[in-house]
């Protein structure tokens, strides 16, 4: 799996998880990701950033990337998960690899309930 696929899939699954949790808990009167009033004054300390589309939350990534080169290997960069390195194919008898870490954040406005709560 390359970095683009990893980030895209992670963000999509977060959004789908919020929607699923909202739908599954509605019958109990729970509110998943409600609109919070007073967010302008208190949002930053709760992990929100202002956006033109509403209150955005930062999704932080800390990813290990492995670059491989070798005979018989396609090479390329893949996301390292556990002891497996995804994103490279083929076999190699002589191979070199470099692991680097990259940290970044992506602001995201999650789908929410129209009911408001006070921060």
PDB file of N, CA and C in Angstrom:
ATOM      1  N   UNK A   1       0.864  -1.169   0.000  1.00  0.00           N
ATOM      2  CA  UNK A   1       0.000   0.000   0.000  1.00  0.00           C
ATOM      3  C   UNK A   1       0.907   1.228   0.000  1.00  0.00           C
ATOM      4  N   UNK A   2       0.654   2.157  -0.907  1.00  0.00           N
ATOM      5  CA  UNK A   2       1.463   3.363  -0.919  1.00  0.00           C
ATOM      6  C   UNK A   2       0.854   4.410   0.016  1.00  0.00           C
ATOM      7  N   UNK A   3       1.579   5.491   0.245  1.00  0.00           N
ATOM      8  CA  UNK A   3       1.154   6.513   1.200  1.00  0.00           C
ATOM      9  C   UNK A   3      -0.178   7.134   0.808  1.00  0.00           C
ATOM     10  N   UNK A   4      -0.360   7.404  -0.474  1.00  0.00           N
ATOM     11  CA  UNK A   4      -1.612   8.007  -0.953  1.00  0.00           C
ATOM     12  C   UNK A   4      -2.805   7.119  -0.613  1.00  0.00           C
ATOM     13  N   UNK A   5      -2.689   5.834  -0.896  1.00  0.00           N
ATOM     14  CA  UNK A   5      -3.782   4.895  -0.589  1.00  0.00           C
ATOM     15  C   UNK A   5      -4.027   4.805   0.912  1.00  0.00           C
ATOM     16  N   UNK A   6      -2.954   4.776   1.698  1.00  0.00           N
ATOM     17  CA  UNK A   6      -3.071   4.662   3.152  1.00  0.00           C
ATOM     18  C   UNK A   6      -3.820   5.852   3.746  1.00  0.00           C
ATOM     19  N   UNK A   7      -3.402   7.070   3.381  1.00  0.00           N
ATOM     20  CA  UNK A   7      -4.041   8.279   3.908  1.00  0.00           C
ATOM     21  C   UNK A   7      -5.488   8.350   3.455  1.00  0.00           C
ATOM     22  N   UNK A   8      -5.738   8.104   2.174  1.00  0.00           N
ATOM     23  CA  UNK A   8      -7.097   8.154   1.640  1.00  0.00           C
ATOM     24  C   UNK A   8      -8.005   7.157   2.342  1.00  0.00           C
ATOM     25  N   UNK A   9      -7.549   5.928   2.475  1.00  0.00           N
ATOM     26  CA  UNK A   9      -8.364   4.886   3.105  1.00  0.00           C
ATOM     27  C   UNK A   9      -8.603   5.187   4.580  1.00  0.00           C
ATOM     28  N   UNK A  10      -7.590   5.698   5.273  1.00  0.00           N
ATOM     29  CA  UNK A  10      -7.753   6.031   6.690  1.00  0.00           C
ATOM     30  C   UNK A  10      -8.808   7.120   6.872  1.00  0.00           C
ATOM     31  N   UNK A  11      -8.747   8.180   6.072  1.00  0.00           N
ATOM     32  CA  UNK A  11      -9.716   9.277   6.195  1.00  0.00           C
ATOM     33  C   UNK A  11     -11.125   8.819   5.835  1.00  0.00           C
ATOM     34  N   UNK A  12     -11.259   8.029   4.771  1.00  0.00           N
ATOM     35  CA  UNK A  12     -12.578   7.518   4.375  1.00  0.00           C
ATOM     36  C   UNK A  12     -13.155   6.642   5.479  1.00  0.00           C
ATOM     37  N   UNK A  13     -12.326   5.784   6.078  1.00  0.00           N
ATOM     38  CA  UNK A  13     -12.830   4.911   7.136  1.00  0.00           C
ATOM     39  C   UNK A  13     -13.208   5.692   8.391  1.00  0.00           C
ATOM     40  N   UNK A  14     -12.496   6.778   8.695  1.00  0.00           N
ATOM     41  CA  UNK A  14     -12.885   7.625   9.825  1.00  0.00           C
ATOM     42  C   UNK A  14     -14.262   8.218   9.572  1.00  0.00           C
ATOM     43  N   UNK A  15     -14.475   8.769   8.389  1.00  0.00           N
ATOM     44  CA  UNK A  15     -15.766   9.384   8.053  1.00  0.00           C
ATOM     45  C   UNK A  15     -16.873   8.340   8.065  1.00  0.00           C
ATOM     46  N   UNK A  16     -16.619   7.176   7.444  1.00  0.00           N
ATOM     47  CA  UNK A  16     -17.628   6.111   7.447  1.00  0.00           C
ATOM     48  C   UNK A  16     -17.920   5.639   8.868  1.00  0.00           C
ATOM     49  N   UNK A  17     -16.901   5.607   9.715  1.00  0.00           N
ATOM     50  CA  UNK A  17     -17.098   5.209  11.107  1.00  0.00           C
ATOM     51  C   UNK A  17     -17.973   6.188  11.863  1.00  0.00           C
ATOM     52  N   UNK A  18     -17.780   7.483  11.627  1.00  0.00           N
ATOM     53  CA  UNK A  18     -18.612   8.504  12.277  1.00  0.00           C
ATOM     54  C   UNK A  18     -20.058   8.373  11.818  1.00  0.00           C
ATOM     55  N   UNK A  19     -20.270   8.199  10.523  1.00  0.00           N
ATOM     56  CA  UNK A  19     -21.629   8.042   9.990  1.00  0.00           C
ATOM     57  C   UNK A  19     -22.279   6.785  10.549  1.00  0.00           C
ATOM     58  N   UNK A  20     -21.542   5.681  10.580  1.00  0.00           N
ATOM     59  CA  UNK A  20     -22.066   4.423  11.108  1.00  0.00           C
ATOM     60  C   UNK A  20     -22.416   4.559  12.593  1.00  0.00           C
ATOM     61  N   UNK A  21     -21.528   5.171  13.371  1.00  0.00           N
ATOM     62  CA  UNK A  21     -21.795   5.354  14.801  1.00  0.00           C
ATOM     63  C   UNK A  21     -23.016   6.240  15.015  1.00  0.00           C
ATOM     64  N   UNK A  22     -23.150   7.279  14.206  1.00  0.00           N
ATOM     65  CA  UNK A  22     -24.316   8.164  14.308  1.00  0.00           C
ATOM     66  C   UNK A  22     -25.604   7.377  14.055  1.00  0.00           C
ATOM     67  N   UNK A  23     -25.619   6.605  12.981  1.00  0.00           N
ATOM     68  CA  UNK A  23     -26.820   5.837  12.624  1.00  0.00           C
ATOM     69  C   UNK A  23     -27.149   4.772  13.667  1.00  0.00           C
ATOM     70  N   UNK A  24     -26.121   4.096  14.192  1.00  0.00           N
ATOM     71  CA  UNK A  24     -26.349   3.004  15.136  1.00  0.00           C
ATOM     72  C   UNK A  24     -26.721   3.481  16.536  1.00  0.00           C
ATOM     73  N   UNK A  25     -26.361   4.696  16.897  1.00  0.00           N
ATOM     74  CA  UNK A  25     -26.644   5.170  18.260  1.00  0.00           C
ATOM     75  C   UNK A  25     -27.821   6.133  18.336  1.00  0.00           C
ATOM     76  N   UNK A  26     -28.361   6.528  17.193  1.00  0.00           N
ATOM     77  CA  UNK A  26     -29.483   7.469  17.171  1.00  0.00           C
ATOM     78  C   UNK A  26     -30.667   6.944  17.979  1.00  0.00           C
ATOM     79  N   UNK A  27     -30.924   5.638  17.893  1.00  0.00           N
ATOM     80  CA  UNK A  27     -32.062   5.038  18.594  1.00  0.00           C
ATOM     81  C   UNK A  27     -31.945   5.163  20.112  1.00  0.00           C
ATOM     82  N   UNK A  28     -30.729   5.381  20.618  1.00  0.00           N
ATOM     83  CA  UNK A  28     -30.521   5.515  22.055  1.00  0.00           C
ATOM     84  C   UNK A  28     -30.519   6.978  22.502  1.00  0.00           C
ATOM     85  N   UNK A  29     -30.727   7.874  21.570  1.00  0.00           N
ATOM     86  CA  UNK A  29     -30.716   9.298  21.879  1.00  0.00           C
ATOM     87  C   UNK A  29     -29.314   9.889  21.952  1.00  0.00           C
ATOM     88  N   UNK A  30     -28.324   9.138  21.511  1.00  0.00           N
ATOM     89  CA  UNK A  30     -26.946   9.635  21.534  1.00  0.00           C
ATOM     90  C   UNK A  30     -26.714  10.580  20.358  1.00  0.00           C
ATOM     91  N   UNK A  31     -25.809  11.510  20.546  1.00  0.00           N
ATOM     92  CA  UNK A  31     -25.451  12.449  19.488  1.00  0.00           C
ATOM     93  C   UNK A  31     -23.970  12.264  19.185  1.00  0.00           C
ATOM     94  N   UNK A  32     -23.675  11.820  17.994  1.00  0.00           N
ATOM     95  CA  UNK A  32     -22.291  11.628  17.577  1.00  0.00           C
ATOM     96  C   UNK A  32     -21.845  12.860  16.807  1.00  0.00           C
ATOM     97  N   UNK A  33     -20.765  13.472  17.254  1.00  0.00           N
ATOM     98  CA  UNK A  33     -20.184  14.656  16.630  1.00  0.00           C
ATOM     99  C   UNK A  33     -21.201  15.792  16.466  1.00  0.00           C
ATOM    100  N   UNK A  34     -21.783  16.267  17.579  1.00  0.00           N
ATOM    101  CA  UNK A  34     -22.747  17.364  17.488  1.00  0.00           C
ATOM    102  C   UNK A  34     -22.058  18.681  17.134  1.00  0.00           C
ATOM    103  N   UNK A  35     -22.823  19.626  16.636  1.00  0.00           N
ATOM    104  CA  UNK A  35     -22.307  20.968  16.405  1.00  0.00           C
ATOM    105  C   UNK A  35     -22.149  21.605  17.782  1.00  0.00           C
ATOM    106  N   UNK A  36     -20.985  22.134  18.059  1.00  0.00           N
ATOM    107  CA  UNK A  36     -20.701  22.680  19.385  1.00  0.00           C
ATOM    108  C   UNK A  36     -20.716  24.198  19.314  1.00  0.00           C
ATOM    109  N   UNK A  37     -21.619  24.821  20.082  1.00  0.00           N
ATOM    110  CA  UNK A  37     -21.642  26.281  20.127  1.00  0.00           C
ATOM    111  C   UNK A  37     -20.531  26.745  21.065  1.00  0.00           C
ATOM    112  N   UNK A  38     -20.037  27.940  20.836  1.00  0.00           N
ATOM    113  CA  UNK A  38     -18.944  28.462  21.643  1.00  0.00           C
ATOM    114  C   UNK A  38     -17.592  27.923  21.223  1.00  0.00           C
ATOM    115  N   UNK A  39     -17.539  27.315  20.060  1.00  0.00           N
ATOM    116  CA  UNK A  39     -16.296  26.692  19.606  1.00  0.00           C
ATOM    117  C   UNK A  39     -15.228  27.725  19.264  1.00  0.00           C
ATOM    118  N   UNK A  40     -15.647  28.914  18.836  1.00  0.00           N
ATOM    119  CA  UNK A  40     -14.670  29.945  18.482  1.00  0.00           C
ATOM    120  C   UNK A  40     -13.741  30.241  19.655  1.00  0.00           C
ATOM    121  N   UNK A  41     -14.312  30.344  20.865  1.00  0.00           N
ATOM    122  CA  UNK A  41     -13.512  30.705  22.031  1.00  0.00           C
ATOM    123  C   UNK A  41     -12.745  29.517  22.609  1.00  0.00           C
ATOM    124  N   UNK A  42     -13.319  28.334  22.556  1.00  0.00           N
ATOM    125  CA  UNK A  42     -12.759  27.194  23.265  1.00  0.00           C
ATOM    126  C   UNK A  42     -12.304  26.054  22.353  1.00  0.00           C
ATOM    127  N   UNK A  43     -12.487  26.193  21.066  1.00  0.00           N
ATOM    128  CA  UNK A  43     -12.227  25.084  20.152  1.00  0.00           C
ATOM    129  C   UNK A  43     -10.797  24.600  20.104  1.00  0.00           C
ATOM    130  N   UNK A  44      -9.843  25.525  20.133  1.00  0.00           N
ATOM    131  CA  UNK A  44      -8.441  25.142  19.987  1.00  0.00           C
ATOM    132  C   UNK A  44      -8.003  24.202  21.110  1.00  0.00           C
ATOM    133  N   UNK A  45      -8.427  24.478  22.332  1.00  0.00           N
ATOM    134  CA  UNK A  45      -7.994  23.609  23.437  1.00  0.00           C
ATOM    135  C   UNK A  45      -8.639  22.231  23.368  1.00  0.00           C
ATOM    136  N   UNK A  46      -9.666  22.070  22.550  1.00  0.00           N
ATOM    137  CA  UNK A  46     -10.316  20.773  22.371  1.00  0.00           C
ATOM    138  C   UNK A  46      -9.907  20.107  21.051  1.00  0.00           C
ATOM    139  N   UNK A  47      -8.897  20.665  20.366  1.00  0.00           N
ATOM    140  CA  UNK A  47      -8.365  20.037  19.161  1.00  0.00           C
ATOM    141  C   UNK A  47      -9.049  20.429  17.867  1.00  0.00           C
ATOM    142  N   UNK A  48      -9.816  21.512  17.869  1.00  0.00           N
ATOM    143  CA  UNK A  48     -10.499  21.963  16.662  1.00  0.00           C
ATOM    144  C   UNK A  48      -9.769  23.161  16.069  1.00  0.00           C
ATOM    145  N   UNK A  49      -9.888  23.328  14.761  1.00  0.00           N
ATOM    146  CA  UNK A  49      -9.380  24.508  14.077  1.00  0.00           C
ATOM    147  C   UNK A  49     -10.521  25.100  13.262  1.00  0.00           C
ATOM    148  N   UNK A  50     -10.489  26.422  13.087  1.00  0.00           N
ATOM    149  CA  UNK A  50     -11.554  27.082  12.336  1.00  0.00           C
ATOM    150  C   UNK A  50     -11.384  26.810  10.849  1.00  0.00           C
ATOM    151  N   UNK A  51     -12.502  26.590  10.177  1.00  0.00           N
ATOM    152  CA  UNK A  51     -12.483  26.434   8.728  1.00  0.00           C
ATOM    153  C   UNK A  51     -13.746  27.085   8.184  1.00  0.00           C
ATOM    154  N   UNK A  52     -13.733  27.439   6.909  1.00  0.00           N
ATOM    155  CA  UNK A  52     -14.918  28.078   6.332  1.00  0.00           C
ATOM    156  C   UNK A  52     -16.107  27.127   6.271  1.00  0.00           C
ATOM    157  N   UNK A  53     -15.845  25.823   6.393  1.00  0.00           N
ATOM    158  CA  UNK A  53     -16.911  24.824   6.330  1.00  0.00           C
ATOM    159  C   UNK A  53     -17.365  24.344   7.701  1.00  0.00           C
ATOM    160  N   UNK A  54     -16.845  24.928   8.749  1.00  0.00           N
ATOM    161  CA  UNK A  54     -17.222  24.524  10.102  1.00  0.00           C
ATOM    162  C   UNK A  54     -15.989  24.224  10.928  1.00  0.00           C
ATOM    163  N   UNK A  55     -16.196  23.577  12.043  1.00  0.00           N
ATOM    164  CA  UNK A  55     -15.088  23.237  12.933  1.00  0.00           C
ATOM    165  C   UNK A  55     -14.371  21.999  12.405  1.00  0.00           C
ATOM    166  N   UNK A  56     -13.119  22.162  12.099  1.00  0.00           N
ATOM    167  CA  UNK A  56     -12.326  21.043  11.582  1.00  0.00           C
ATOM    168  C   UNK A  56     -11.513  20.427  12.713  1.00  0.00           C
ATOM    169  N   UNK A  57     -11.385  19.128  12.665  1.00  0.00           N
ATOM    170  CA  UNK A  57     -10.539  18.407  13.609  1.00  0.00           C
ATOM    171  C   UNK A  57      -9.305  17.951  12.859  1.00  0.00           C
ATOM    172  N   UNK A  58      -8.186  17.938  13.542  1.00  0.00           N
ATOM    173  CA  UNK A  58      -6.952  17.479  12.913  1.00  0.00           C
ATOM    174  C   UNK A  58      -6.837  15.967  13.064  1.00  0.00           C
ATOM    175  N   UNK A  59      -6.596  15.288  11.962  1.00  0.00           N
ATOM    176  CA  UNK A  59      -6.271  13.868  11.986  1.00  0.00           C
ATOM    177  C   UNK A  59      -4.756  13.809  11.811  1.00  0.00           C
ATOM    178  N   UNK A  60      -4.072  13.317  12.837  1.00  0.00           N
ATOM    179  CA  UNK A  60      -2.613  13.286  12.822  1.00  0.00           C
ATOM    180  C   UNK A  60      -2.115  11.927  12.339  1.00  0.00           C
ATOM    181  N   UNK A  61      -1.125  11.963  11.468  1.00  0.00           N
ATOM    182  CA  UNK A  61      -0.502  10.754  10.951  1.00  0.00           C
ATOM    183  C   UNK A  61       0.970  10.744  11.370  1.00  0.00           C
ATOM    184  N   UNK A  62       1.455   9.599  11.755  1.00  0.00           N
ATOM    185  CA  UNK A  62       2.872   9.367  12.027  1.00  0.00           C
ATOM    186  C   UNK A  62       3.184   8.046  11.327  1.00  0.00           C
ATOM    187  N   UNK A  63       3.740   8.140  10.133  1.00  0.00           N
ATOM    188  CA  UNK A  63       3.849   6.987   9.247  1.00  0.00           C
ATOM    189  C   UNK A  63       5.316   6.647   8.985  1.00  0.00           C
ATOM    190  N   UNK A  64       5.629   5.363   9.032  1.00  0.00           N
ATOM    191  CA  UNK A  64       6.957   4.893   8.637  1.00  0.00           C
ATOM    192  C   UNK A  64       6.883   4.468   7.174  1.00  0.00           C
ATOM    193  N   UNK A  65       7.795   4.982   6.380  1.00  0.00           N
ATOM    194  CA  UNK A  65       7.854   4.656   4.956  1.00  0.00           C
ATOM    195  C   UNK A  65       9.137   3.894   4.685  1.00  0.00           C
ATOM    196  N   UNK A  66       9.037   2.875   3.845  1.00  0.00           N
ATOM    197  CA  UNK A  66      10.215   2.098   3.500  1.00  0.00           C
ATOM    198  C   UNK A  66      10.448   2.184   1.997  1.00  0.00           C
ATOM    199  N   UNK A  67      11.644   2.574   1.623  1.00  0.00           N
ATOM    200  CA  UNK A  67      12.044   2.607   0.216  1.00  0.00           C
ATOM    201  C   UNK A  67      12.960   1.420  -0.019  1.00  0.00           C
ATOM    202  N   UNK A  68      12.616   0.605  -1.021  1.00  0.00           N
ATOM    203  CA  UNK A  68      13.409  -0.595  -1.310  1.00  0.00           C
ATOM    204  C   UNK A  68      13.967  -0.525  -2.717  1.00  0.00           C
ATOM    205  N   UNK A  69      15.180  -1.030  -2.848  1.00  0.00           N
ATOM    206  CA  UNK A  69      15.800  -1.195  -4.156  1.00  0.00           C
ATOM    207  C   UNK A  69      16.510  -2.532  -4.161  1.00  0.00           C
ATOM    208  N   UNK A  70      16.492  -3.199  -5.298  1.00  0.00           N
ATOM    209  CA  UNK A  70      17.207  -4.465  -5.386  1.00  0.00           C
ATOM    210  C   UNK A  70      16.964  -5.120  -6.722  1.00  0.00           C
ATOM    211  N   UNK A  71      17.720  -6.139  -7.020  1.00  0.00           N
ATOM    212  CA  UNK A  71      17.544  -6.856  -8.274  1.00  0.00           C
ATOM    213  C   UNK A  71      16.256  -7.655  -8.209  1.00  0.00           C
ATOM    214  N   UNK A  72      15.455  -7.555  -9.228  1.00  0.00           N
ATOM    215  CA  UNK A  72      14.197  -8.289  -9.284  1.00  0.00           C
ATOM    216  C   UNK A  72      13.070  -7.623  -8.522  1.00  0.00           C
ATOM    217  N   UNK A  73      13.333  -6.490  -7.921  1.00  0.00           N
ATOM    218  CA  UNK A  73      12.306  -5.791  -7.153  1.00  0.00           C
ATOM    219  C   UNK A  73      11.904  -4.541  -7.906  1.00  0.00           C
ATOM    220  N   UNK A  74      10.621  -4.257  -7.917  1.00  0.00           N
ATOM    221  CA  UNK A  74      10.136  -3.047  -8.551  1.00  0.00           C
ATOM    222  C   UNK A  74      10.688  -1.809  -7.869  1.00  0.00           C
ATOM    223  N   UNK A  75      10.872  -1.876  -6.574  1.00  0.00           N
ATOM    224  CA  UNK A  75      11.287  -0.701  -5.824  1.00  0.00           C
ATOM    225  C   UNK A  75      10.085   0.149  -5.489  1.00  0.00           C
ATOM    226  N   UNK A  76      10.333   1.313  -4.996  1.00  0.00           N
ATOM    227  CA  UNK A  76       9.250   2.218  -4.659  1.00  0.00           C
ATOM    228  C   UNK A  76       9.161   2.443  -3.164  1.00  0.00           C
ATOM    229  N   UNK A  77       8.159   3.192  -2.785  1.00  0.00           N
ATOM    230  CA  UNK A  77       7.954   3.550  -1.387  1.00  0.00           C
ATOM    231  C   UNK A  77       6.650   2.946  -0.923  1.00  0.00           C
ATOM    232  N   UNK A  78       6.661   2.345   0.245  1.00  0.00           N
ATOM    233  CA  UNK A  78       5.451   1.753   0.801  1.00  0.00           C
ATOM    234  C   UNK A  78       5.315   2.074   2.269  1.00  0.00           C
ATOM    235  N   UNK A  79       4.101   1.975   2.782  1.00  0.00           N
ATOM    236  CA  UNK A  79       3.824   2.209   4.188  1.00  0.00           C
ATOM    237  C   UNK A  79       4.198   0.958   4.961  1.00  0.00           C
ATOM    238  N   UNK A  80       4.932   1.127   6.041  1.00  0.00           N
ATOM    239  CA  UNK A  80       5.333   0.007   6.888  1.00  0.00           C
ATOM    240  C   UNK A  80       4.280  -0.169   7.970  1.00  0.00           C
ATOM    241  N   UNK A  81       3.687  -1.363   8.020  1.00  0.00           N
ATOM    242  CA  UNK A  81       2.703  -1.663   9.056  1.00  0.00           C
ATOM    243  C   UNK A  81       3.173  -2.896   9.800  1.00  0.00           C
ATOM    244  N   UNK A  82       3.479  -2.731  11.062  1.00  0.00           N
ATOM    245  CA  UNK A  82       3.973  -3.859  11.842  1.00  0.00           C
ATOM    246  C   UNK A  82       5.280  -4.351  11.268  1.00  0.00           C
ATOM    247  N   UNK A  83       5.367  -5.646  11.014  1.00  0.00           N
ATOM    248  CA  UNK A  83       6.597  -6.198  10.448  1.00  0.00           C
ATOM    249  C   UNK A  83       6.501  -6.346   8.934  1.00  0.00           C
ATOM    250  N   UNK A  84       5.388  -5.924   8.357  1.00  0.00           N
ATOM    251  CA  UNK A  84       5.191  -6.073   6.923  1.00  0.00           C
ATOM    252  C   UNK A  84       5.422  -4.749   6.222  1.00  0.00           C
ATOM    253  N   UNK A  85       5.985  -4.807   5.046  1.00  0.00           N
ATOM    254  CA  UNK A  85       6.137  -3.632   4.208  1.00  0.00           C
ATOM    255  C   UNK A  85       5.281  -3.843   2.977  1.00  0.00           C
ATOM    256  N   UNK A  86       4.316  -2.976   2.789  1.00  0.00           N
ATOM    257  CA  UNK A  86       3.417  -3.096   1.651  1.00  0.00           C
ATOM    258  C   UNK A  86       3.807  -2.079   0.596  1.00  0.00           C
ATOM    259  N   UNK A  87       3.543  -2.398  -0.658  1.00  0.00           N
ATOM    260  CA  UNK A  87       3.784  -1.435  -1.717  1.00  0.00           C
ATOM    261  C   UNK A  87       4.952  -1.804  -2.616  1.00  0.00           C
ATOM    262  N   UNK A  88       5.586  -2.916  -2.368  1.00  0.00           N
ATOM    263  CA  UNK A  88       6.691  -3.364  -3.202  1.00  0.00           C
ATOM    264  C   UNK A  88       6.379  -4.775  -3.667  1.00  0.00           C
ATOM    265  N   UNK A  89       6.793  -5.113  -4.866  1.00  0.00           N
ATOM    266  CA  UNK A  89       6.507  -6.457  -5.348  1.00  0.00           C
ATOM    267  C   UNK A  89       7.766  -7.075  -5.933  1.00  0.00           C
ATOM    268  N   UNK A  90       7.731  -8.384  -6.114  1.00  0.00           N
ATOM    269  CA  UNK A  90       8.871  -9.095  -6.656  1.00  0.00           C
ATOM    270  C   UNK A  90       9.784  -9.580  -5.544  1.00  0.00           C
ATOM    271  N   UNK A  91      10.776 -10.381  -5.906  1.00  0.00           N
ATOM    272  CA  UNK A  91      11.730 -10.888  -4.928  1.00  0.00           C
ATOM    273  C   UNK A  91      13.114 -10.436  -5.341  1.00  0.00           C
ATOM    274  N   UNK A  92      13.982 -10.347  -4.381  1.00  0.00           N
ATOM    275  CA  UNK A  92      15.322  -9.878  -4.669  1.00  0.00           C
ATOM    276  C   UNK A  92      16.333 -10.638  -3.829  1.00  0.00           C
ATOM    277  N   UNK A  93      17.476 -10.889  -4.426  1.00  0.00           N
ATOM    278  CA  UNK A  93      18.538 -11.519  -3.652  1.00  0.00           C
ATOM    279  C   UNK A  93      19.434 -10.459  -3.037  1.00  0.00           C
ATOM    280  N   UNK A  94      19.612  -9.352  -3.723  1.00  0.00           N
ATOM    281  CA  UNK A  94      20.392  -8.242  -3.183  1.00  0.00           C
ATOM    282  C   UNK A  94      19.471  -7.039  -3.094  1.00  0.00           C
ATOM    283  N   UNK A  95      19.239  -6.596  -1.873  1.00  0.00           N
ATOM    284  CA  UNK A  95      18.280  -5.504  -1.730  1.00  0.00           C
ATOM    285  C   UNK A  95      18.743  -4.560  -0.641  1.00  0.00           C
ATOM    286  N   UNK A  96      18.430  -3.302  -0.828  1.00  0.00           N
ATOM    287  CA  UNK A  96      18.703  -2.318   0.209  1.00  0.00           C
ATOM    288  C   UNK A  96      17.411  -1.570   0.488  1.00  0.00           C
ATOM    289  N   UNK A  97      17.246  -1.178   1.733  1.00  0.00           N
ATOM    290  CA  UNK A  97      16.030  -0.446   2.072  1.00  0.00           C
ATOM    291  C   UNK A  97      16.362   0.655   3.060  1.00  0.00           C
ATOM    292  N   UNK A  98      15.561   1.693   3.015  1.00  0.00           N
ATOM    293  CA  UNK A  98      15.681   2.822   3.920  1.00  0.00           C
ATOM    294  C   UNK A  98      14.312   3.089   4.508  1.00  0.00           C
ATOM    295  N   UNK A  99      14.259   3.236   5.826  1.00  0.00           N
ATOM    296  CA  UNK A  99      12.991   3.547   6.481  1.00  0.00           C
ATOM    297  C   UNK A  99      13.053   4.983   6.967  1.00  0.00           C
ATOM    298  N   UNK A 100      12.044   5.760   6.620  1.00  0.00           N
ATOM    299  CA  UNK A 100      11.922   7.146   7.060  1.00  0.00           C
ATOM    300  C   UNK A 100      10.561   7.327   7.705  1.00  0.00           C
ATOM    301  N   UNK A 101      10.478   8.277   8.601  1.00  0.00           N
ATOM    302  CA  UNK A 101       9.196   8.586   9.233  1.00  0.00           C
ATOM    303  C   UNK A 101       8.726   9.939   8.721  1.00  0.00           C
ATOM    304  N   UNK A 102       7.435  10.044   8.542  1.00  0.00           N
ATOM    305  CA  UNK A 102       6.839  11.311   8.153  1.00  0.00           C
ATOM    306  C   UNK A 102       5.643  11.555   9.070  1.00  0.00           C
ATOM    307  N   UNK A 103       5.566  12.771   9.605  1.00  0.00           N
ATOM    308  CA  UNK A 103       4.450  13.159  10.471  1.00  0.00           C
ATOM    309  C   UNK A 103       3.749  14.341   9.823  1.00  0.00           C
ATOM    310  N   UNK A 104       2.426  14.290   9.793  1.00  0.00           N
ATOM    311  CA  UNK A 104       1.653  15.388   9.230  1.00  0.00           C
ATOM    312  C   UNK A 104       0.227  15.308   9.749  1.00  0.00           C
ATOM    313  N   UNK A 105      -0.508  16.382   9.574  1.00  0.00           N
ATOM    314  CA  UNK A 105      -1.900  16.420   9.991  1.00  0.00           C
ATOM    315  C   UNK A 105      -2.781  16.863   8.843  1.00  0.00           C
ATOM    316  N   UNK A 106      -4.000  16.364   8.841  1.00  0.00           N
ATOM    317  CA  UNK A 106      -4.982  16.724   7.823  1.00  0.00           C
ATOM    318  C   UNK A 106      -6.226  17.234   8.544  1.00  0.00           C
ATOM    319  N   UNK A 107      -6.611  18.513   8.323  1.00  0.00           N
ATOM    320  CA  UNK A 107      -7.848  18.987   8.940  1.00  0.00           C
ATOM    321  C   UNK A 107      -9.045  18.382   8.215  1.00  0.00           C
ATOM    322  N   UNK A 108     -10.042  17.970   8.977  1.00  0.00           N
ATOM    323  CA  UNK A 108     -11.215  17.330   8.387  1.00  0.00           C
ATOM    324  C   UNK A 108     -12.464  17.784   9.132  1.00  0.00           C
ATOM    325  N   UNK A 109     -13.487  18.140   8.381  1.00  0.00           N
ATOM    326  CA  UNK A 109     -14.790  18.469   8.965  1.00  0.00           C
ATOM    327  C   UNK A 109     -15.625  17.204   8.861  1.00  0.00           C
ATOM    328  N   UNK A 110     -15.898  16.596  10.002  1.00  0.00           N
ATOM    329  CA  UNK A 110     -16.649  15.345  10.025  1.00  0.00           C
ATOM    330  C   UNK A 110     -18.138  15.610   9.893  1.00  0.00           C
ATOM    331  N   UNK A 111     -18.881  14.652   9.334  1.00  0.00           N
ATOM    332  CA  UNK A 111     -20.336  14.802   9.299  1.00  0.00           C
ATOM    333  C   UNK A 111     -20.848  14.816  10.727  1.00  0.00           C
ATOM    334  N   UNK A 112     -21.816  15.662  10.991  1.00  0.00           N
ATOM    335  CA  UNK A 112     -22.298  15.779  12.366  1.00  0.00           C
ATOM    336  C   UNK A 112     -23.799  15.873  12.453  1.00  0.00           C
ATOM    337  N   UNK A 113     -24.269  15.863  13.675  1.00  0.00           N
ATOM    338  CA  UNK A 113     -25.684  16.000  13.970  1.00  0.00           C
ATOM    339  C   UNK A 113     -25.997  17.483  14.078  1.00  0.00           C
ATOM    340  N   UNK A 114     -27.165  17.899  13.646  1.00  0.00           N
ATOM    341  CA  UNK A 114     -27.542  19.304  13.691  1.00  0.00           C
ATOM    342  C   UNK A 114     -27.882  19.796  15.089  1.00  0.00           C
ATOM    343  N   UNK A 115     -28.016  18.898  16.054  1.00  0.00           N
ATOM    344  CA  UNK A 115     -28.284  19.314  17.424  1.00  0.00           C
ATOM    345  C   UNK A 115     -27.031  19.955  17.986  1.00  0.00           C
ATOM    346  N   UNK A 116     -27.215  21.039  18.746  1.00  0.00           N
ATOM    347  CA  UNK A 116     -26.071  21.769  19.280  1.00  0.00           C
ATOM    348  C   UNK A 116     -25.860  21.454  20.750  1.00  0.00           C
ATOM    349  N   UNK A 117     -24.599  21.453  21.150  1.00  0.00           N
ATOM    350  CA  UNK A 117     -24.248  21.385  22.558  1.00  0.00           C
ATOM    351  C   UNK A 117     -23.331  22.559  22.843  1.00  0.00           C
ATOM    352  N   UNK A 118     -23.200  22.939  24.089  1.00  0.00           N
ATOM    353  CA  UNK A 118     -22.367  24.072  24.462  1.00  0.00           C
ATOM    354  C   UNK A 118     -21.009  23.589  24.929  1.00  0.00           C
ATOM    355  N   UNK A 119     -19.957  24.252  24.435  1.00  0.00           N
ATOM    356  CA  UNK A 119     -18.590  23.873  24.834  1.00  0.00           C
ATOM    357  C   UNK A 119     -18.234  24.502  26.160  1.00  0.00           C
TER     358      UNK A 119
END
